[in-house]
PDB file of N, CA and C in Angstrom:
ATOM      1  N   MET A   1      42.962 -88.086 -48.488  1.00  0.00           N
ATOM      2  CA  MET A   1      41.869 -89.032 -48.438  1.00  0.00           C
ATOM      3  C   MET A   1      41.749 -89.514 -46.986  1.00  0.00           C
ATOM      4  N   ASN A   2      40.541 -89.578 -46.484  1.00  0.00           N
ATOM      5  CA  ASN A   2      40.351 -90.015 -45.095  1.00  0.00           C
ATOM      6  C   ASN A   2      40.193 -91.536 -45.015  1.00  0.00           C
ATOM      7  N   THR A   3      40.103 -92.042 -43.797  1.00  0.00           N
ATOM      8  CA  THR A   3      40.044 -93.486 -43.564  1.00  0.00           C
ATOM      9  C   THR A   3      38.874 -94.135 -44.296  1.00  0.00           C
ATOM     10  N   SER A   4      37.703 -93.550 -44.202  1.00  0.00           N
ATOM     11  CA  SER A   4      36.523 -94.131 -44.861  1.00  0.00           C
ATOM     12  C   SER A   4      36.705 -94.210 -46.369  1.00  0.00           C
ATOM     13  N   ASP A   5      37.289 -93.174 -46.949  1.00  0.00           N
ATOM     14  CA  ASP A   5      37.526 -93.172 -48.394  1.00  0.00           C
ATOM     15  C   ASP A   5      38.513 -94.262 -48.797  1.00  0.00           C
ATOM     16  N   VAL A   6      39.556 -94.450 -47.986  1.00  0.00           N
ATOM     17  CA  VAL A   6      40.550 -95.490 -48.271  1.00  0.00           C
ATOM     18  C   VAL A   6      39.902 -96.868 -48.216  1.00  0.00           C
ATOM     19  N   ILE A   7      39.075 -97.085 -47.216  1.00  0.00           N
ATOM     20  CA  ILE A   7      38.391 -98.371 -47.067  1.00  0.00           C
ATOM     21  C   ILE A   7      37.490 -98.636 -48.273  1.00  0.00           C
ATOM     22  N   LYS A   8      36.753 -97.615 -48.705  1.00  0.00           N
ATOM     23  CA  LYS A   8      35.875 -97.769 -49.869  1.00  0.00           C
ATOM     24  C   LYS A   8      36.672 -98.047 -51.137  1.00  0.00           C
ATOM     25  N   LYS A   9      37.774 -97.325 -51.309  1.00  0.00           N
ATOM     26  CA  LYS A   9      38.560 -97.457 -52.537  1.00  0.00           C
ATOM     27  C   LYS A   9      39.312 -98.781 -52.611  1.00  0.00           C
ATOM     28  N   THR A  10      39.848 -99.242 -51.487  1.00  0.00           N
ATOM     29  CA  THR A  10      40.699-100.437 -51.503  1.00  0.00           C
ATOM     30  C   THR A  10      39.969-101.713 -51.110  1.00  0.00           C
ATOM     31  N   GLY A  11      38.905-101.581 -50.327  1.00  0.00           N
ATOM     32  CA  GLY A  11      38.189-102.756 -49.844  1.00  0.00           C
ATOM     33  C   GLY A  11      38.797-103.383 -48.600  1.00  0.00           C
ATOM     34  N   ILE A  12      39.862-102.796 -48.083  1.00  0.00           N
ATOM     35  CA  ILE A  12      40.510-103.354 -46.898  1.00  0.00           C
ATOM     36  C   ILE A  12      39.631-103.114 -45.667  1.00  0.00           C
ATOM     37  N   PRO A  13      39.492-104.101 -44.803  1.00  0.00           N
ATOM     38  CA  PRO A  13      38.735-103.890 -43.564  1.00  0.00           C
ATOM     39  C   PRO A  13      39.443-102.878 -42.654  1.00  0.00           C
ATOM     40  N   ARG A  14      38.669-102.122 -41.928  1.00  0.00           N
ATOM     41  CA  ARG A  14      39.193-101.067 -41.054  1.00  0.00           C
ATOM     42  C   ARG A  14      40.257-101.599 -40.088  1.00  0.00           C
ATOM     43  N   GLN A  15      40.000-102.740 -39.470  1.00  0.00           N
ATOM     44  CA  GLN A  15      40.951-103.276 -38.485  1.00  0.00           C
ATOM     45  C   GLN A  15      42.282-103.645 -39.134  1.00  0.00           C
ATOM     46  N   LYS A  16      42.239-104.153 -40.350  1.00  0.00           N
ATOM     47  CA  LYS A  16      43.487-104.481 -41.051  1.00  0.00           C
ATOM     48  C   LYS A  16      44.246-103.206 -41.409  1.00  0.00           C
ATOM     49  N   LEU A  17      43.517-102.172 -41.780  1.00  0.00           N
ATOM     50  CA  LEU A  17      44.144-100.886 -42.065  1.00  0.00           C
ATOM     51  C   LEU A  17      44.840-100.346 -40.819  1.00  0.00           C
ATOM     52  N   TYR A  18      44.167-100.401 -39.684  1.00  0.00           N
ATOM     53  CA  TYR A  18      44.767 -99.942 -38.430  1.00  0.00           C
ATOM     54  C   TYR A  18      45.970-100.796 -38.047  1.00  0.00           C
ATOM     55  N   TYR A  19      45.899-102.089 -38.333  1.00  0.00           N
ATOM     56  CA  TYR A  19      47.014-102.985 -38.024  1.00  0.00           C
ATOM     57  C   TYR A  19      48.247-102.601 -38.853  1.00  0.00           C
ATOM     58  N   LEU A  20      48.043-102.277 -40.123  1.00  0.00           N
ATOM     59  CA  LEU A  20      49.156-101.846 -40.964  1.00  0.00           C
ATOM     60  C   LEU A  20      49.830-100.615 -40.379  1.00  0.00           C
ATOM     61  N   GLU A  21      49.035 -99.710 -39.871  1.00  0.00           N
ATOM     62  CA  GLU A  21      49.581 -98.503 -39.249  1.00  0.00           C
ATOM     63  C   GLU A  21      50.301 -98.849 -37.947  1.00  0.00           C
ATOM     64  N   GLN A  22      49.683 -99.676 -37.141  1.00  0.00           N
ATOM     65  CA  GLN A  22      50.260-100.069 -35.853  1.00  0.00           C
ATOM     66  C   GLN A  22      51.631-100.713 -36.037  1.00  0.00           C
ATOM     67  N   LYS A  23      51.776-101.534 -37.060  1.00  0.00           N
ATOM     68  CA  LYS A  23      53.035-102.241 -37.319  1.00  0.00           C
ATOM     69  C   LYS A  23      54.049-101.388 -38.085  1.00  0.00           C
ATOM     70  N   GLY A  24      53.655-100.195 -38.498  1.00  0.00           N
ATOM     71  CA  GLY A  24      54.584 -99.295 -39.169  1.00  0.00           C
ATOM     72  C   GLY A  24      54.689 -99.480 -40.672  1.00  0.00           C
ATOM     73  N   TYR A  25      53.789-100.247 -41.272  1.00  0.00           N
ATOM     74  CA  TYR A  25      53.821-100.445 -42.719  1.00  0.00           C
ATOM     75  C   TYR A  25      53.315 -99.216 -43.466  1.00  0.00           C
ATOM     76  N   ILE A  26      52.437 -98.470 -42.835  1.00  0.00           N
ATOM     77  CA  ILE A  26      51.949 -97.211 -43.401  1.00  0.00           C
ATOM     78  C   ILE A  26      52.004 -96.150 -42.312  1.00  0.00           C
ATOM     79  N   SER A  27      52.128 -94.894 -42.733  1.00  0.00           N
ATOM     80  CA  SER A  27      52.193 -93.787 -41.768  1.00  0.00           C
ATOM     81  C   SER A  27      51.379 -92.611 -42.285  1.00  0.00           C
ATOM     82  N   PRO A  28      50.058 -92.703 -42.156  1.00  0.00           N
ATOM     83  CA  PRO A  28      49.244 -91.581 -42.632  1.00  0.00           C
ATOM     84  C   PRO A  28      49.512 -90.333 -41.798  1.00  0.00           C
ATOM     85  N   ARG A  29      49.298 -89.204 -42.422  1.00  0.00           N
ATOM     86  CA  ARG A  29      49.450 -87.934 -41.724  1.00  0.00           C
ATOM     87  C   ARG A  29      48.284 -87.788 -40.756  1.00  0.00           C
ATOM     88  N   LYS A  30      48.560 -87.252 -39.570  1.00  0.00           N
ATOM     89  CA  LYS A  30      47.507 -87.032 -38.569  1.00  0.00           C
ATOM     90  C   LYS A  30      47.130 -85.553 -38.574  1.00  0.00           C
ATOM     91  N   ILE A  31      45.851 -85.313 -38.673  1.00  0.00           N
ATOM     92  CA  ILE A  31      45.328 -83.952 -38.626  1.00  0.00           C
ATOM     93  C   ILE A  31      44.559 -83.812 -37.327  1.00  0.00           C
ATOM     94  N   HIS A  32      44.964 -82.865 -36.503  1.00  0.00           N
ATOM     95  CA  HIS A  32      44.325 -82.662 -35.204  1.00  0.00           C
ATOM     96  C   HIS A  32      43.293 -81.541 -35.305  1.00  0.00           C
ATOM     97  N   VAL A  33      42.091 -81.869 -34.867  1.00  0.00           N
ATOM     98  CA  VAL A  33      40.997 -80.903 -34.811  1.00  0.00           C
ATOM     99  C   VAL A  33      40.471 -80.952 -33.387  1.00  0.00           C
ATOM    100  N   GLY A  34      40.832 -79.950 -32.616  1.00  0.00           N
ATOM    101  CA  GLY A  34      40.484 -79.989 -31.198  1.00  0.00           C
ATOM    102  C   GLY A  34      41.209 -81.146 -30.541  1.00  0.00           C
ATOM    103  N   GLU A  35      40.468 -81.984 -29.865  1.00  0.00           N
ATOM    104  CA  GLU A  35      41.065 -83.141 -29.198  1.00  0.00           C
ATOM    105  C   GLU A  35      41.075 -84.386 -30.083  1.00  0.00           C
ATOM    106  N   LYS A  36      40.481 -84.303 -31.248  1.00  0.00           N
ATOM    107  CA  LYS A  36      40.421 -85.455 -32.149  1.00  0.00           C
ATOM    108  C   LYS A  36      41.574 -85.414 -33.154  1.00  0.00           C
ATOM    109  N   ALA A  37      41.986 -86.600 -33.573  1.00  0.00           N
ATOM    110  CA  ALA A  37      43.008 -86.719 -34.617  1.00  0.00           C
ATOM    111  C   ALA A  37      42.428 -87.560 -35.753  1.00  0.00           C
ATOM    112  N   PHE A  38      42.582 -87.065 -36.959  1.00  0.00           N
ATOM    113  CA  PHE A  38      42.087 -87.759 -38.139  1.00  0.00           C
ATOM    114  C   PHE A  38      43.262 -88.177 -39.010  1.00  0.00           C
ATOM    115  N   ARG A  39      43.146 -89.330 -39.628  1.00  0.00           N
ATOM    116  CA  ARG A  39      44.183 -89.816 -40.534  1.00  0.00           C
ATOM    117  C   ARG A  39      43.929 -89.254 -41.925  1.00  0.00           C
ATOM    118  N   GLU A  40      45.000 -88.845 -42.564  1.00  0.00           N
ATOM    119  CA  GLU A  40      44.927 -88.350 -43.936  1.00  0.00           C
ATOM    120  C   GLU A  40      45.929 -89.149 -44.772  1.00  0.00           C
ATOM    121  N   PHE A  41      45.429 -89.828 -45.797  1.00  0.00           N
ATOM    122  CA  PHE A  41      46.252 -90.685 -46.642  1.00  0.00           C
ATOM    123  C   PHE A  41      46.497 -90.005 -47.982  1.00  0.00           C
ATOM    124  N   ASN A  42      47.744 -90.045 -48.448  1.00  0.00           N
ATOM    125  CA  ASN A  42      48.027 -89.509 -49.778  1.00  0.00           C
ATOM    126  C   ASN A  42      47.918 -90.641 -50.804  1.00  0.00           C
ATOM    127  N   GLU A  43      48.100 -90.318 -52.072  1.00  0.00           N
ATOM    128  CA  GLU A  43      47.925 -91.324 -53.129  1.00  0.00           C
ATOM    129  C   GLU A  43      48.941 -92.460 -53.026  1.00  0.00           C
ATOM    130  N   VAL A  44      50.155 -92.151 -52.582  1.00  0.00           N
ATOM    131  CA  VAL A  44      51.169 -93.197 -52.408  1.00  0.00           C
ATOM    132  C   VAL A  44      50.732 -94.163 -51.313  1.00  0.00           C
ATOM    133  N   ASP A  45      50.210 -93.622 -50.205  1.00  0.00           N
ATOM    134  CA  ASP A  45      49.695 -94.475 -49.124  1.00  0.00           C
ATOM    135  C   ASP A  45      48.608 -95.405 -49.650  1.00  0.00           C
ATOM    136  N   VAL A  46      47.680 -94.848 -50.402  1.00  0.00           N
ATOM    137  CA  VAL A  46      46.542 -95.621 -50.908  1.00  0.00           C
ATOM    138  C   VAL A  46      47.020 -96.714 -51.860  1.00  0.00           C
ATOM    139  N   GLN A  47      47.961 -96.377 -52.712  1.00  0.00           N
ATOM    140  CA  GLN A  47      48.511 -97.370 -53.643  1.00  0.00           C
ATOM    141  C   GLN A  47      49.190 -98.500 -52.867  1.00  0.00           C
ATOM    142  N   LEU A  48      49.965 -98.148 -51.850  1.00  0.00           N
ATOM    143  CA  LEU A  48      50.640 -99.152 -51.029  1.00  0.00           C
ATOM    144  C   LEU A  48      49.621-100.040 -50.319  1.00  0.00           C
ATOM    145  N   ILE A  49      48.604 -99.437 -49.738  1.00  0.00           N
ATOM    146  CA  ILE A  49      47.555-100.194 -49.045  1.00  0.00           C
ATOM    147  C   ILE A  49      46.863-101.150 -50.011  1.00  0.00           C
ATOM    148  N   GLN A  50      46.552-100.661 -51.203  1.00  0.00           N
ATOM    149  CA  GLN A  50      45.874-101.500 -52.199  1.00  0.00           C
ATOM    150  C   GLN A  50      46.698-102.734 -52.527  1.00  0.00           C
ATOM    151  N   TRP A  51      47.998-102.554 -52.751  1.00  0.00           N
ATOM    152  CA  TRP A  51      48.849-103.697 -53.093  1.00  0.00           C
ATOM    153  C   TRP A  51      49.051-104.622 -51.902  1.00  0.00           C
ATOM    154  N   ILE A  52      49.237-104.056 -50.717  1.00  0.00           N
ATOM    155  CA  ILE A  52      49.370-104.909 -49.524  1.00  0.00           C
ATOM    156  C   ILE A  52      48.118-105.761 -49.376  1.00  0.00           C
ATOM    157  N   TRP A  53      46.961-105.147 -49.501  1.00  0.00           N
ATOM    158  CA  TRP A  53      45.697-105.865 -49.343  1.00  0.00           C
ATOM    159  C   TRP A  53      45.562-106.960 -50.405  1.00  0.00           C
ATOM    160  N   THR A  54      45.970-106.670 -51.629  1.00  0.00           N
ATOM    161  CA  THR A  54      45.942-107.673 -52.696  1.00  0.00           C
ATOM    162  C   THR A  54      46.784-108.881 -52.313  1.00  0.00           C
ATOM    163  N   TYR A  55      47.983-108.637 -51.827  1.00  0.00           N
ATOM    164  CA  TYR A  55      48.872-109.746 -51.455  1.00  0.00           C
ATOM    165  C   TYR A  55      48.385-110.472 -50.203  1.00  0.00           C
ATOM    166  N   LEU A  56      47.797-109.755 -49.269  1.00  0.00           N
ATOM    167  CA  LEU A  56      47.233-110.421 -48.085  1.00  0.00           C
ATOM    168  C   LEU A  56      46.106-111.366 -48.498  1.00  0.00           C
ATOM    169  N   LYS A  57      45.257-110.917 -49.413  1.00  0.00           N
ATOM    170  CA  LYS A  57      44.162-111.770 -49.885  1.00  0.00           C
ATOM    171  C   LYS A  57      44.686-112.991 -50.635  1.00  0.00           C
ATOM    172  N   ASP A  58      45.875-112.860 -51.223  1.00  0.00           N
ATOM    173  CA  ASP A  58      46.498-113.990 -51.920  1.00  0.00           C
ATOM    174  C   ASP A  58      47.169-114.961 -50.951  1.00  0.00           C
ATOM    175  N   GLY A  59      47.143-114.638 -49.659  1.00  0.00           N
ATOM    176  CA  GLY A  59      47.667-115.562 -48.659  1.00  0.00           C
ATOM    177  C   GLY A  59      49.033-115.233 -48.097  1.00  0.00           C
ATOM    178  N   PHE A  60      49.622-114.121 -48.521  1.00  0.00           N
ATOM    179  CA  PHE A  60      50.925-113.742 -47.990  1.00  0.00           C
ATOM    180  C   PHE A  60      50.785-113.156 -46.587  1.00  0.00           C
ATOM    181  N   ARG A  61      51.814-113.313 -45.785  1.00  0.00           N
ATOM    182  CA  ARG A  61      51.836-112.703 -44.454  1.00  0.00           C
ATOM    183  C   ARG A  61      52.123-111.210 -44.602  1.00  0.00           C
ATOM    184  N   TYR A  62      51.845-110.469 -43.535  1.00  0.00           N
ATOM    185  CA  TYR A  62      51.949-109.008 -43.593  1.00  0.00           C
ATOM    186  C   TYR A  62      53.312-108.524 -44.082  1.00  0.00           C
ATOM    187  N   ARG A  63      54.391-109.028 -43.484  1.00  0.00           N
ATOM    188  CA  ARG A  63      55.726-108.541 -43.833  1.00  0.00           C
ATOM    189  C   ARG A  63      56.039-108.795 -45.306  1.00  0.00           C
ATOM    190  N   ILE A  64      55.702-109.982 -45.778  1.00  0.00           N
ATOM    191  CA  ILE A  64      55.958-110.329 -47.178  1.00  0.00           C
ATOM    192  C   ILE A  64      55.049-109.519 -48.104  1.00  0.00           C
ATOM    193  N   ALA A  65      53.790-109.367 -47.729  1.00  0.00           N
ATOM    194  CA  ALA A  65      52.857-108.563 -48.531  1.00  0.00           C
ATOM    195  C   ALA A  65      53.365-107.130 -48.658  1.00  0.00           C
ATOM    196  N   TYR A  66      53.884-106.585 -47.569  1.00  0.00           N
ATOM    197  CA  TYR A  66      54.431-105.225 -47.570  1.00  0.00           C
ATOM    198  C   TYR A  66      55.637-105.142 -48.510  1.00  0.00           C
ATOM    199  N   GLN A  67      56.547-106.090 -48.403  1.00  0.00           N
ATOM    200  CA  GLN A  67      57.739-106.092 -49.259  1.00  0.00           C
ATOM    201  C   GLN A  67      57.364-106.218 -50.732  1.00  0.00           C
ATOM    202  N   LYS A  68      56.443-107.117 -51.030  1.00  0.00           N
ATOM    203  CA  LYS A  68      56.008-107.305 -52.414  1.00  0.00           C
ATOM    204  C   LYS A  68      55.307-106.048 -52.940  1.00  0.00           C
ATOM    205  N   ALA A  69      54.532-105.391 -52.086  1.00  0.00           N
ATOM    206  CA  ALA A  69      53.847-104.158 -52.483  1.00  0.00           C
ATOM    207  C   ALA A  69      54.860-103.066 -52.808  1.00  0.00           C
ATOM    208  N   LEU A  70      55.891-102.930 -51.986  1.00  0.00           N
ATOM    209  CA  LEU A  70      56.929-101.931 -52.252  1.00  0.00           C
ATOM    210  C   LEU A  70      57.632-102.219 -53.577  1.00  0.00           C
ATOM    211  N   GLU A  71      57.949-103.483 -53.815  1.00  0.00           N
ATOM    212  CA  GLU A  71      58.598-103.869 -55.073  1.00  0.00           C
ATOM    213  C   GLU A  71      57.702-103.567 -56.271  1.00  0.00           C
ATOM    214  N   LYS A  72      56.427-103.857 -56.134  1.00  0.00           N
ATOM    215  CA  LYS A  72      55.469-103.610 -57.218  1.00  0.00           C
ATOM    216  C   LYS A  72      55.386-102.117 -57.534  1.00  0.00           C
ATOM    217  N   ILE A  73      55.288-101.301 -56.506  1.00  0.00           N
ATOM    218  CA  ILE A  73      55.195 -99.853 -56.703  1.00  0.00           C
ATOM    219  C   ILE A  73      56.478 -99.321 -57.334  1.00  0.00           C
ATOM    220  N   GLU A  74      57.614 -99.849 -56.906  1.00  0.00           N
ATOM    221  CA  GLU A  74      58.890 -99.428 -57.483  1.00  0.00           C
ATOM    222  C   GLU A  74      58.943 -99.768 -58.972  1.00  0.00           C
ATOM    223  N   ARG A  75      58.490-100.971 -59.335  1.00  0.00           N
ATOM    224  CA  ARG A  75      58.467-101.369 -60.752  1.00  0.00           C
ATOM    225  C   ARG A  75      57.530-100.465 -61.559  1.00  0.00           C
ATOM    226  N   ILE A  76      56.378-100.150 -60.994  1.00  0.00           N
ATOM    227  CA  ILE A  76      55.417 -99.275 -61.678  1.00  0.00           C
ATOM    228  C   ILE A  76      56.021 -97.893 -61.883  1.00  0.00           C
ATOM    229  N   ASN A  77      56.655 -97.367 -60.849  1.00  0.00           N
ATOM    230  CA  ASN A  77      57.254 -96.031 -60.941  1.00  0.00           C
ATOM    231  C   ASN A  77      58.389 -95.993 -61.958  1.00  0.00           C
ATOM    232  N   LYS A  78      59.198 -97.046 -62.009  1.00  0.00           N
ATOM    233  CA  LYS A  78      60.279 -97.102 -63.000  1.00  0.00           C
ATOM    234  C   LYS A  78      59.705 -97.143 -64.405  1.00  0.00           C
ATOM    235  N   ARG A  79      58.652 -97.937 -64.581  1.00  0.00           N
ATOM    236  CA  ARG A  79      58.016 -98.056 -65.894  1.00  0.00           C
ATOM    237  C   ARG A  79      57.419 -96.716 -66.325  1.00  0.00           C
ATOM    238  N   ASP A  80      56.799 -96.012 -65.384  1.00  0.00           N
ATOM    239  CA  ASP A  80      56.142 -94.748 -65.711  1.00  0.00           C
ATOM    240  C   ASP A  80      57.125 -93.620 -65.996  1.00  0.00           C
ATOM    241  N   THR A  81      58.364 -93.733 -65.515  1.00  0.00           N
ATOM    242  CA  THR A  81      59.345 -92.668 -65.736  1.00  0.00           C
ATOM    243  C   THR A  81      60.142 -92.875 -67.021  1.00  0.00           C
ATOM    244  N   LYS A  82      59.919 -93.982 -67.701  1.00  0.00           N
ATOM    245  CA  LYS A  82      60.646 -94.239 -68.959  1.00  0.00           C
ATOM    246  C   LYS A  82      60.002 -93.527 -70.108  1.00  0.00           C
TER     247      LYS A  82
END
């Protein structure tokens, strides 16, 4: 999924998405086409972004939102594997 698709799906503003990447909270794959590089997000990335954005909108700071998002995804994955 490309950047525009992630923004549409999650509702996160582009600058906040870039900030998450800059701070190391997400690491999308980079696809190089000539001199340009495009970000490619997998479903795990998108799920993480969605939860981080949810917690940011609830007033949590980035680091806490990231931690809570990881915990949420871990709980979901444990539930789904039972």
